[in-house]
Amino acid sequence: MIALLQMEGSEELESSLLTQPWASVCLGESTFLAKVCFRDTGYILLISDLSSVWYESADAEAVGQRSKELNKRLTVQVSSFLHHLCKLMRPLLAGQPDATTSFSCHHTASRLRLHMKSELSGLPFYWDFHCCPAPVEMVSRHLVRPLIQMSLALQSQVQKLSSLLLQKDAEIEDYRESGATLSRDRLRTEPFQEETFQQHFMVKCVRRQRGQRTPGPLDVLGSSTGWNFVLECILNRSENTNKSLCVVCACVHKYIDNI
C-alpha cells in the first residue's frame, strides 16, 4: 500500500513538472537547463547540459532522512523543509541567485550531484540533489516532444508569413499597374523570393553547423529547424535504455547544431 502511494505521488509530481518551464542556470562555469517541482509530498528535479539528462525524484520520507544526515542541528517538519528548498531554488531558476545561497555541481555521464549551502533559522543549511540518468521516455516527454511541437508551430508561422508577404507583393504590383507611385522612394522594396529566402536560410544553418556559432542552451527552445533529427531519433531509438538515451542526446545536439 505504501509503495502504491509512493508511486502515485511520484507520478503526480512528474505530471506537475510538465507544466514547469525550462530555465537556464549557471553553476560554476557550466550552463544547464533545469526544471523542478516541489510539493509537500516531495520534489522532482530534471537537469541537462544537452549532452546528458539527469533527474531525481524524492518523496517526503527520503527528504526527511537526508535532511537528518546533512543538517543534524535542524529539526523541522518535512513539508517546511521542502518549502524552504523551493524558496532557495526559485532565485536560481529565475536567473537571480541569492548571494546567501551557494551552489556547486559535480557530474559524470552516470550521475550528477548538486550541492546547496545556505541558512535556515540562523543555522547552516545543506542539501544535496542526487541525480541519475533520466529514462528515455522522460527525456522525450519533457524535452524532445516540446521541441518538436514548438518547431512545427514556428514552421507553420513562417509559412503563413511567407504566404502573407507574397500576397502583399501581389497587392503592391496591382497598385503599380494601376499607375500608383511611391511618394518616398526609400520605402521601395524588392519582391519577396521565397526560394531565395529558404536557400539563404539553409546556407546560414550550414555555416553554424561548421562551428561558426556556439548556441546557448535556451537557443534550442526557440528554433524552427532541426526537428527532423529529433523525430528520426524517436522513430529509430534502440530498445536498450542507456543506448537510447545516448541517441536522444546526440539527436538533440544535432538539433542545436542546425539552429
C-alpha atoms as a PDB file:
ATOM      1  CA  MET A   1       0.000   0.000   0.000  1.00  0.00           C
ATOM      2  CA  ILE A   2       2.821   2.380   0.932  1.00  0.00           C
ATOM      3  CA  ALA A   3       4.671   1.535  -2.287  1.00  0.00           C
ATOM      4  CA  LEU A   4       1.496   2.240  -4.289  1.00  0.00           C
ATOM      5  CA  LEU A   5       1.030   5.629  -2.614  1.00  0.00           C
ATOM      6  CA  GLN A   6       4.688   6.485  -3.282  1.00  0.00           C
ATOM      7  CA  MET A   7       4.267   5.556  -6.965  1.00  0.00           C
ATOM      8  CA  GLU A   8       1.135   7.679  -7.254  1.00  0.00           C
ATOM      9  CA  GLY A   9       2.918  10.577  -5.565  1.00  0.00           C
ATOM     10  CA  SER A  10       5.853  10.272  -7.960  1.00  0.00           C
ATOM     11  CA  GLU A  11       3.536  10.215 -10.990  1.00  0.00           C
ATOM     12  CA  GLU A  12       1.689  13.278  -9.684  1.00  0.00           C
ATOM     13  CA  LEU A  13       4.989  15.121  -9.239  1.00  0.00           C
ATOM     14  CA  GLU A  14       6.126  14.337 -12.768  1.00  0.00           C
ATOM     15  CA  SER A  15       2.766  15.432 -14.188  1.00  0.00           C
ATOM     16  CA  SER A  16       3.151  18.722 -12.335  1.00  0.00           C
ATOM     17  CA  LEU A  17       6.709  19.012 -13.654  1.00  0.00           C
ATOM     18  CA  LEU A  18       5.346  19.053 -17.213  1.00  0.00           C
ATOM     19  CA  THR A  19       3.754  22.433 -16.513  1.00  0.00           C
ATOM     20  CA  GLN A  20       7.032  23.946 -15.291  1.00  0.00           C
ATOM     21  CA  PRO A  21       9.172  25.891 -17.792  1.00  0.00           C
ATOM     22  CA  TRP A  22      12.803  25.105 -18.503  1.00  0.00           C
ATOM     23  CA  ALA A  23      15.245  27.623 -17.067  1.00  0.00           C
ATOM     24  CA  SER A  24      18.866  28.310 -17.921  1.00  0.00           C
ATOM     25  CA  VAL A  25      21.020  28.065 -14.792  1.00  0.00           C
ATOM     26  CA  CYS A  26      24.723  28.776 -14.374  1.00  0.00           C
ATOM     27  CA  LEU A  27      26.571  26.504 -11.965  1.00  0.00           C
ATOM     28  CA  GLY A  28      30.217  27.463 -11.821  1.00  0.00           C
ATOM     29  CA  GLU A  29      31.493  27.662 -15.386  1.00  0.00           C
ATOM     30  CA  SER A  30      28.799  25.359 -16.757  1.00  0.00           C
ATOM     31  CA  THR A  31      25.329  26.198 -18.020  1.00  0.00           C
ATOM     32  CA  PHE A  32      22.412  23.821 -17.629  1.00  0.00           C
ATOM     33  CA  LEU A  33      18.741  23.614 -18.438  1.00  0.00           C
ATOM     34  CA  ALA A  34      16.705  22.754 -15.373  1.00  0.00           C
ATOM     35  CA  LYS A  35      13.142  22.453 -14.152  1.00  0.00           C
ATOM     36  CA  VAL A  36      11.888  21.435 -10.730  1.00  0.00           C
ATOM     37  CA  CYS A  37       8.612  20.875  -8.936  1.00  0.00           C
ATOM     38  CA  PHE A  38       8.169  20.916  -5.157  1.00  0.00           C
ATOM     39  CA  ARG A  39       5.147  19.632  -3.243  1.00  0.00           C
ATOM     40  CA  ASP A  40       4.513  18.766   0.404  1.00  0.00           C
ATOM     41  CA  THR A  41       4.932  15.127  -0.626  1.00  0.00           C
ATOM     42  CA  GLY A  42       8.397  15.546  -2.192  1.00  0.00           C
ATOM     43  CA  TYR A  43      10.097  17.005  -5.241  1.00  0.00           C
ATOM     44  CA  ILE A  44      11.338  16.126  -8.706  1.00  0.00           C
ATOM     45  CA  LEU A  45      14.281  17.779 -10.465  1.00  0.00           C
ATOM     46  CA  LEU A  46      15.216  17.457 -14.142  1.00  0.00           C
ATOM     47  CA  ILE A  47      18.508  18.937 -15.329  1.00  0.00           C
ATOM     48  CA  SER A  48      20.512  18.722 -18.562  1.00  0.00           C
ATOM     49  CA  ASP A  49      23.713  20.044 -20.103  1.00  0.00           C
ATOM     50  CA  LEU A  50      22.338  18.936 -23.529  1.00  0.00           C
ATOM     51  CA  SER A  51      24.840  16.093 -23.543  1.00  0.00           C
ATOM     52  CA  SER A  52      23.109  14.146 -20.790  1.00  0.00           C
ATOM     53  CA  VAL A  53      19.889  14.452 -18.852  1.00  0.00           C
ATOM     54  CA  TRP A  54      19.659  13.642 -15.142  1.00  0.00           C
ATOM     55  CA  TYR A  55      16.807  13.622 -12.657  1.00  0.00           C
ATOM     56  CA  GLU A  56      15.929  12.969  -9.039  1.00  0.00           C
ATOM     57  CA  SER A  57      12.523  12.199  -7.597  1.00  0.00           C
ATOM     58  CA  ALA A  58      12.422  12.181  -3.791  1.00  0.00           C
ATOM     59  CA  ASP A  59       9.398  11.574  -1.578  1.00  0.00           C
ATOM     60  CA  ALA A  60       8.843  13.041   1.881  1.00  0.00           C
ATOM     61  CA  GLU A  61      10.424  10.050   3.613  1.00  0.00           C
ATOM     62  CA  ALA A  62      13.637  10.293   1.574  1.00  0.00           C
ATOM     63  CA  VAL A  63      13.793  14.059   2.095  1.00  0.00           C
ATOM     64  CA  GLY A  64      13.348  13.635   5.860  1.00  0.00           C
ATOM     65  CA  GLN A  65      16.088  11.013   6.065  1.00  0.00           C
ATOM     66  CA  ARG A  66      18.577  13.045   4.035  1.00  0.00           C
ATOM     67  CA  SER A  67      17.838  16.221   5.971  1.00  0.00           C
ATOM     68  CA  LYS A  68      18.738  14.408   9.219  1.00  0.00           C
ATOM     69  CA  GLU A  69      22.046  13.280   7.699  1.00  0.00           C
ATOM     70  CA  LEU A  70      23.005  16.712   6.318  1.00  0.00           C
ATOM     71  CA  ASN A  71      21.504  19.018   8.945  1.00  0.00           C
ATOM     72  CA  LYS A  72      21.815  17.310  12.314  1.00  0.00           C
ATOM     73  CA  ARG A  73      21.193  20.549  14.243  1.00  0.00           C
ATOM     74  CA  LEU A  74      17.949  21.345  12.451  1.00  0.00           C
ATOM     75  CA  THR A  75      14.580  19.935  13.460  1.00  0.00           C
ATOM     76  CA  VAL A  76      11.751  20.954  11.145  1.00  0.00           C
ATOM     77  CA  GLN A  77       8.775  19.279   9.541  1.00  0.00           C
ATOM     78  CA  VAL A  78       9.451  17.788   6.131  1.00  0.00           C
ATOM     79  CA  SER A  79       6.817  19.997   4.487  1.00  0.00           C
ATOM     80  CA  SER A  80       8.515  23.117   5.917  1.00  0.00           C
ATOM     81  CA  PHE A  81      11.860  21.762   4.769  1.00  0.00           C
ATOM     82  CA  LEU A  82      10.553  21.280   1.222  1.00  0.00           C
ATOM     83  CA  HIS A  83       9.055  24.771   1.237  1.00  0.00           C
ATOM     84  CA  HIS A  84      12.462  26.186   2.207  1.00  0.00           C
ATOM     85  CA  LEU A  85      14.188  24.193  -0.536  1.00  0.00           C
ATOM     86  CA  CYS A  86      11.719  25.581  -3.056  1.00  0.00           C
ATOM     87  CA  LYS A  87      12.326  29.107  -1.783  1.00  0.00           C
ATOM     88  CA  LEU A  88      16.095  28.691  -2.218  1.00  0.00           C
ATOM     89  CA  MET A  89      15.826  27.204  -5.709  1.00  0.00           C
ATOM     90  CA  ARG A  90      13.434  29.834  -7.061  1.00  0.00           C
ATOM     91  CA  PRO A  91      16.026  32.684  -7.458  1.00  0.00           C
ATOM     92  CA  LEU A  92      18.468  30.321  -9.209  1.00  0.00           C
ATOM     93  CA  LEU A  93      15.847  29.296 -11.750  1.00  0.00           C
ATOM     94  CA  ALA A  94      14.873  32.936 -12.250  1.00  0.00           C
ATOM     95  CA  GLY A  95      18.469  33.842 -13.132  1.00  0.00           C
ATOM     96  CA  GLN A  96      18.857  35.925  -9.971  1.00  0.00           C
ATOM     97  CA  PRO A  97      20.742  33.710  -7.485  1.00  0.00           C
ATOM     98  CA  ASP A  98      20.684  34.813  -3.868  1.00  0.00           C
ATOM     99  CA  ALA A  99      24.095  35.871  -2.542  1.00  0.00           C
ATOM    100  CA  THR A 100      23.409  34.000   0.716  1.00  0.00           C
ATOM    101  CA  THR A 101      22.951  30.699  -1.098  1.00  0.00           C
ATOM    102  CA  SER A 102      25.722  28.924  -2.984  1.00  0.00           C
ATOM    103  CA  PHE A 103      25.504  26.026  -5.425  1.00  0.00           C
ATOM    104  CA  SER A 104      28.128  23.643  -6.753  1.00  0.00           C
ATOM    105  CA  CYS A 105      27.733  20.844  -9.247  1.00  0.00           C
ATOM    106  CA  HIS A 106      29.733  17.699  -9.956  1.00  0.00           C
ATOM    107  CA  HIS A 107      28.644  15.383 -12.728  1.00  0.00           C
ATOM    108  CA  THR A 108      29.568  12.477 -14.936  1.00  0.00           C
ATOM    109  CA  ALA A 109      27.523  10.691 -17.578  1.00  0.00           C
ATOM    110  CA  SER A 110      26.139   8.342 -14.902  1.00  0.00           C
ATOM    111  CA  ARG A 111      25.321  10.773 -12.107  1.00  0.00           C
ATOM    112  CA  LEU A 112      25.034  14.414 -11.076  1.00  0.00           C
ATOM    113  CA  ARG A 113      25.242  15.895  -7.588  1.00  0.00           C
ATOM    114  CA  LEU A 114      24.020  19.429  -6.988  1.00  0.00           C
ATOM    115  CA  HIS A 115      25.191  20.765  -3.623  1.00  0.00           C
ATOM    116  CA  MET A 116      23.413  23.674  -1.922  1.00  0.00           C
ATOM    117  CA  LYS A 117      24.640  25.702   1.053  1.00  0.00           C
ATOM    118  CA  SER A 118      22.537  28.337   2.801  1.00  0.00           C
ATOM    119  CA  GLU A 119      20.952  29.157   6.170  1.00  0.00           C
ATOM    120  CA  LEU A 120      17.762  28.228   7.983  1.00  0.00           C
ATOM    121  CA  SER A 121      16.732  29.794  11.290  1.00  0.00           C
ATOM    122  CA  GLY A 122      20.232  31.181  11.705  1.00  0.00           C
ATOM    123  CA  LEU A 123      21.886  27.779  11.296  1.00  0.00           C
ATOM    124  CA  PRO A 124      23.894  26.411   8.357  1.00  0.00           C
ATOM    125  CA  PHE A 125      21.670  24.595   5.878  1.00  0.00           C
ATOM    126  CA  TYR A 126      22.931  21.988   3.400  1.00  0.00           C
ATOM    127  CA  TRP A 127      21.260  19.957   0.710  1.00  0.00           C
ATOM    128  CA  ASP A 128      22.428  17.553  -1.981  1.00  0.00           C
ATOM    129  CA  PHE A 129      20.392  16.601  -5.020  1.00  0.00           C
ATOM    130  CA  HIS A 130      21.488  13.121  -6.130  1.00  0.00           C
ATOM    131  CA  CYS A 131      20.524  12.731  -9.786  1.00  0.00           C
ATOM    132  CA  CYS A 132      20.791   9.702 -12.060  1.00  0.00           C
ATOM    133  CA  PRO A 133      20.314   9.459 -15.856  1.00  0.00           C
ATOM    134  CA  ALA A 134      16.738  10.207 -16.854  1.00  0.00           C
ATOM    135  CA  PRO A 135      14.777   7.448 -18.624  1.00  0.00           C
ATOM    136  CA  VAL A 136      14.323   7.880 -22.363  1.00  0.00           C
ATOM    137  CA  GLU A 137      10.560   8.314 -22.001  1.00  0.00           C
ATOM    138  CA  MET A 138      11.083  11.164 -19.530  1.00  0.00           C
ATOM    139  CA  VAL A 139      13.577  12.862 -21.871  1.00  0.00           C
ATOM    140  CA  SER A 140      11.118  12.505 -24.719  1.00  0.00           C
ATOM    141  CA  ARG A 141       8.167  13.778 -22.683  1.00  0.00           C
ATOM    142  CA  HIS A 142       9.873  16.809 -21.156  1.00  0.00           C
ATOM    143  CA  LEU A 143      12.403  17.811 -23.820  1.00  0.00           C
ATOM    144  CA  VAL A 144      12.092  16.160 -27.231  1.00  0.00           C
ATOM    145  CA  ARG A 145       8.324  16.344 -27.756  1.00  0.00           C
ATOM    146  CA  PRO A 146       8.059  20.006 -26.684  1.00  0.00           C
ATOM    147  CA  LEU A 147      10.917  20.810 -29.093  1.00  0.00           C
ATOM    148  CA  ILE A 148       9.090  19.150 -31.953  1.00  0.00           C
ATOM    149  CA  GLN A 149       5.805  20.842 -31.085  1.00  0.00           C
ATOM    150  CA  MET A 150       7.445  24.269 -30.928  1.00  0.00           C
ATOM    151  CA  SER A 151       9.393  23.619 -34.118  1.00  0.00           C
ATOM    152  CA  LEU A 152       6.228  22.645 -36.009  1.00  0.00           C
ATOM    153  CA  ALA A 153       4.380  25.683 -34.650  1.00  0.00           C
ATOM    154  CA  LEU A 154       7.204  28.011 -35.724  1.00  0.00           C
ATOM    155  CA  GLN A 155       7.443  26.400 -39.154  1.00  0.00           C
ATOM    156  CA  SER A 156       3.701  26.874 -39.609  1.00  0.00           C
ATOM    157  CA  GLN A 157       4.090  30.505 -38.600  1.00  0.00           C
ATOM    158  CA  VAL A 158       6.912  31.012 -41.116  1.00  0.00           C
ATOM    159  CA  GLN A 159       4.771  29.508 -43.892  1.00  0.00           C
ATOM    160  CA  LYS A 160       1.874  31.817 -43.043  1.00  0.00           C
ATOM    161  CA  LEU A 161       4.159  34.862 -43.002  1.00  0.00           C
ATOM    162  CA  SER A 162       5.687  33.857 -46.342  1.00  0.00           C
ATOM    163  CA  SER A 163       2.212  33.497 -47.832  1.00  0.00           C
ATOM    164  CA  LEU A 164       1.239  36.908 -46.466  1.00  0.00           C
ATOM    165  CA  LEU A 165       4.357  38.518 -47.981  1.00  0.00           C
ATOM    166  CA  LEU A 166       3.552  37.029 -51.387  1.00  0.00           C
ATOM    167  CA  GLN A 167       0.010  38.370 -51.143  1.00  0.00           C
ATOM    168  CA  LYS A 168       1.293  41.820 -50.191  1.00  0.00           C
ATOM    169  CA  ASP A 169       3.681  41.771 -53.149  1.00  0.00           C
ATOM    170  CA  ALA A 170       0.775  40.908 -55.460  1.00  0.00           C
ATOM    171  CA  GLU A 171      -1.253  43.757 -53.959  1.00  0.00           C
ATOM    172  CA  ILE A 172       1.619  46.234 -54.426  1.00  0.00           C
ATOM    173  CA  GLU A 173       2.132  45.073 -58.015  1.00  0.00           C
ATOM    174  CA  ASP A 174      -1.565  45.658 -58.720  1.00  0.00           C
ATOM    175  CA  TYR A 175      -1.228  49.227 -57.402  1.00  0.00           C
ATOM    176  CA  ARG A 176       1.782  49.822 -59.649  1.00  0.00           C
ATOM    177  CA  GLU A 177      -0.031  48.511 -62.722  1.00  0.00           C
ATOM    178  CA  SER A 178      -2.854  50.923 -61.868  1.00  0.00           C
ATOM    179  CA  GLY A 179      -0.391  53.817 -62.012  1.00  0.00           C
ATOM    180  CA  ALA A 180       0.229  54.307 -58.293  1.00  0.00           C
ATOM    181  CA  THR A 181       3.698  55.573 -57.332  1.00  0.00           C
ATOM    182  CA  LEU A 182       5.615  55.892 -54.078  1.00  0.00           C
ATOM    183  CA  SER A 183       5.835  59.360 -52.555  1.00  0.00           C
ATOM    184  CA  ARG A 184       9.094  58.325 -50.843  1.00  0.00           C
ATOM    185  CA  ASP A 185      11.435  56.200 -52.938  1.00  0.00           C
ATOM    186  CA  ARG A 186      13.317  54.933 -49.867  1.00  0.00           C
ATOM    187  CA  LEU A 187      10.269  52.840 -48.998  1.00  0.00           C
ATOM    188  CA  ARG A 188      10.630  50.764 -52.173  1.00  0.00           C
ATOM    189  CA  THR A 189      11.267  47.058 -51.544  1.00  0.00           C
ATOM    190  CA  GLU A 190      12.147  44.118 -53.753  1.00  0.00           C
ATOM    191  CA  PRO A 191       9.535  41.380 -54.236  1.00  0.00           C
ATOM    192  CA  PHE A 192       9.818  38.554 -51.714  1.00  0.00           C
ATOM    193  CA  GLN A 193      11.538  35.481 -53.225  1.00  0.00           C
ATOM    194  CA  GLU A 194      10.553  32.537 -51.057  1.00  0.00           C
ATOM    195  CA  GLU A 195      13.001  30.078 -52.667  1.00  0.00           C
ATOM    196  CA  THR A 196      15.910  32.520 -52.348  1.00  0.00           C
ATOM    197  CA  PHE A 197      14.979  33.159 -48.726  1.00  0.00           C
ATOM    198  CA  GLN A 198      14.959  29.418 -47.955  1.00  0.00           C
ATOM    199  CA  GLN A 199      18.325  28.889 -49.682  1.00  0.00           C
ATOM    200  CA  HIS A 200      19.876  31.776 -47.760  1.00  0.00           C
ATOM    201  CA  PHE A 201      18.494  30.371 -44.532  1.00  0.00           C
ATOM    202  CA  MET A 202      19.979  26.926 -45.206  1.00  0.00           C
ATOM    203  CA  VAL A 203      23.382  28.438 -46.028  1.00  0.00           C
ATOM    204  CA  LYS A 204      23.347  30.137 -42.621  1.00  0.00           C
ATOM    205  CA  CYS A 205      22.468  26.822 -40.966  1.00  0.00           C
ATOM    206  CA  VAL A 206      25.360  25.047 -42.675  1.00  0.00           C
ATOM    207  CA  ARG A 207      27.800  27.751 -41.589  1.00  0.00           C
ATOM    208  CA  ARG A 208      26.649  27.441 -37.997  1.00  0.00           C
ATOM    209  CA  GLN A 209      26.898  23.663 -38.186  1.00  0.00           C
ATOM    210  CA  ARG A 210      30.558  24.040 -39.149  1.00  0.00           C
ATOM    211  CA  GLY A 211      31.271  25.733 -35.847  1.00  0.00           C
ATOM    212  CA  GLN A 212      30.973  29.413 -36.627  1.00  0.00           C
ATOM    213  CA  ARG A 213      28.480  29.796 -33.828  1.00  0.00           C
ATOM    214  CA  THR A 214      28.045  28.063 -30.480  1.00  0.00           C
ATOM    215  CA  PRO A 215      24.428  28.360 -29.361  1.00  0.00           C
ATOM    216  CA  GLY A 216      23.403  28.682 -25.730  1.00  0.00           C
ATOM    217  CA  PRO A 217      21.124  26.046 -24.172  1.00  0.00           C
ATOM    218  CA  LEU A 218      17.961  28.135 -24.491  1.00  0.00           C
ATOM    219  CA  ASP A 219      18.523  28.660 -28.225  1.00  0.00           C
ATOM    220  CA  VAL A 220      17.189  25.159 -28.741  1.00  0.00           C
ATOM    221  CA  LEU A 221      13.812  26.198 -27.334  1.00  0.00           C
ATOM    222  CA  GLY A 222      13.281  28.909 -29.909  1.00  0.00           C
ATOM    223  CA  SER A 223      14.492  27.291 -33.098  1.00  0.00           C
ATOM    224  CA  SER A 224      12.302  26.258 -36.001  1.00  0.00           C
ATOM    225  CA  THR A 225      14.838  23.950 -37.693  1.00  0.00           C
ATOM    226  CA  GLY A 226      16.414  20.586 -36.996  1.00  0.00           C
ATOM    227  CA  TRP A 227      13.294  18.934 -35.552  1.00  0.00           C
ATOM    228  CA  ASN A 228      13.612  16.170 -38.144  1.00  0.00           C
ATOM    229  CA  PHE A 229      16.762  14.949 -36.384  1.00  0.00           C
ATOM    230  CA  VAL A 230      14.844  14.609 -33.136  1.00  0.00           C
ATOM    231  CA  LEU A 231      11.933  12.894 -34.863  1.00  0.00           C
ATOM    232  CA  GLU A 232      14.334  10.495 -36.552  1.00  0.00           C
ATOM    233  CA  CYS A 233      15.799   9.655 -33.169  1.00  0.00           C
ATOM    234  CA  ILE A 234      12.415   8.884 -31.628  1.00  0.00           C
ATOM    235  CA  LEU A 235      11.315   6.703 -34.531  1.00  0.00           C
ATOM    236  CA  ASN A 236      14.569   4.718 -34.624  1.00  0.00           C
ATOM    237  CA  ARG A 237      15.603   4.603 -30.966  1.00  0.00           C
ATOM    238  CA  SER A 238      17.175   1.438 -29.593  1.00  0.00           C
ATOM    239  CA  GLU A 239      15.432  -0.936 -27.212  1.00  0.00           C
ATOM    240  CA  ASN A 240      18.396  -0.599 -24.850  1.00  0.00           C
ATOM    241  CA  THR A 241      17.617   2.236 -22.416  1.00  0.00           C
ATOM    242  CA  ASN A 242      21.166   3.534 -21.963  1.00  0.00           C
ATOM    243  CA  LYS A 243      21.876   3.417 -25.669  1.00  0.00           C
ATOM    244  CA  SER A 244      18.539   5.086 -26.394  1.00  0.00           C
ATOM    245  CA  LEU A 245      19.364   7.941 -24.039  1.00  0.00           C
ATOM    246  CA  CYS A 246      22.665   8.483 -25.839  1.00  0.00           C
ATOM    247  CA  VAL A 247      20.844   8.520 -29.171  1.00  0.00           C
ATOM    248  CA  VAL A 248      18.346  11.090 -27.893  1.00  0.00           C
ATOM    249  CA  CYS A 249      21.128  13.315 -26.509  1.00  0.00           C
ATOM    250  CA  ALA A 250      23.124  13.027 -29.729  1.00  0.00           C
ATOM    251  CA  CYS A 251      19.991  13.889 -31.649  1.00  0.00           C
ATOM    252  CA  VAL A 252      19.397  16.990 -29.525  1.00  0.00           C
ATOM    253  CA  HIS A 253      22.996  18.001 -30.250  1.00  0.00           C
ATOM    254  CA  LYS A 254      22.277  17.739 -33.974  1.00  0.00           C
ATOM    255  CA  TYR A 255      19.186  19.830 -33.398  1.00  0.00           C
ATOM    256  CA  ILE A 256      21.268  22.550 -31.763  1.00  0.00           C
ATOM    257  CA  ASP A 257      23.974  22.402 -34.440  1.00  0.00           C
ATOM    258  CA  ASN A 258      21.379  23.218 -37.085  1.00  0.00           C
ATOM    259  CA  ILE A 259      19.871  26.316 -35.475  1.00  0.00           C
END
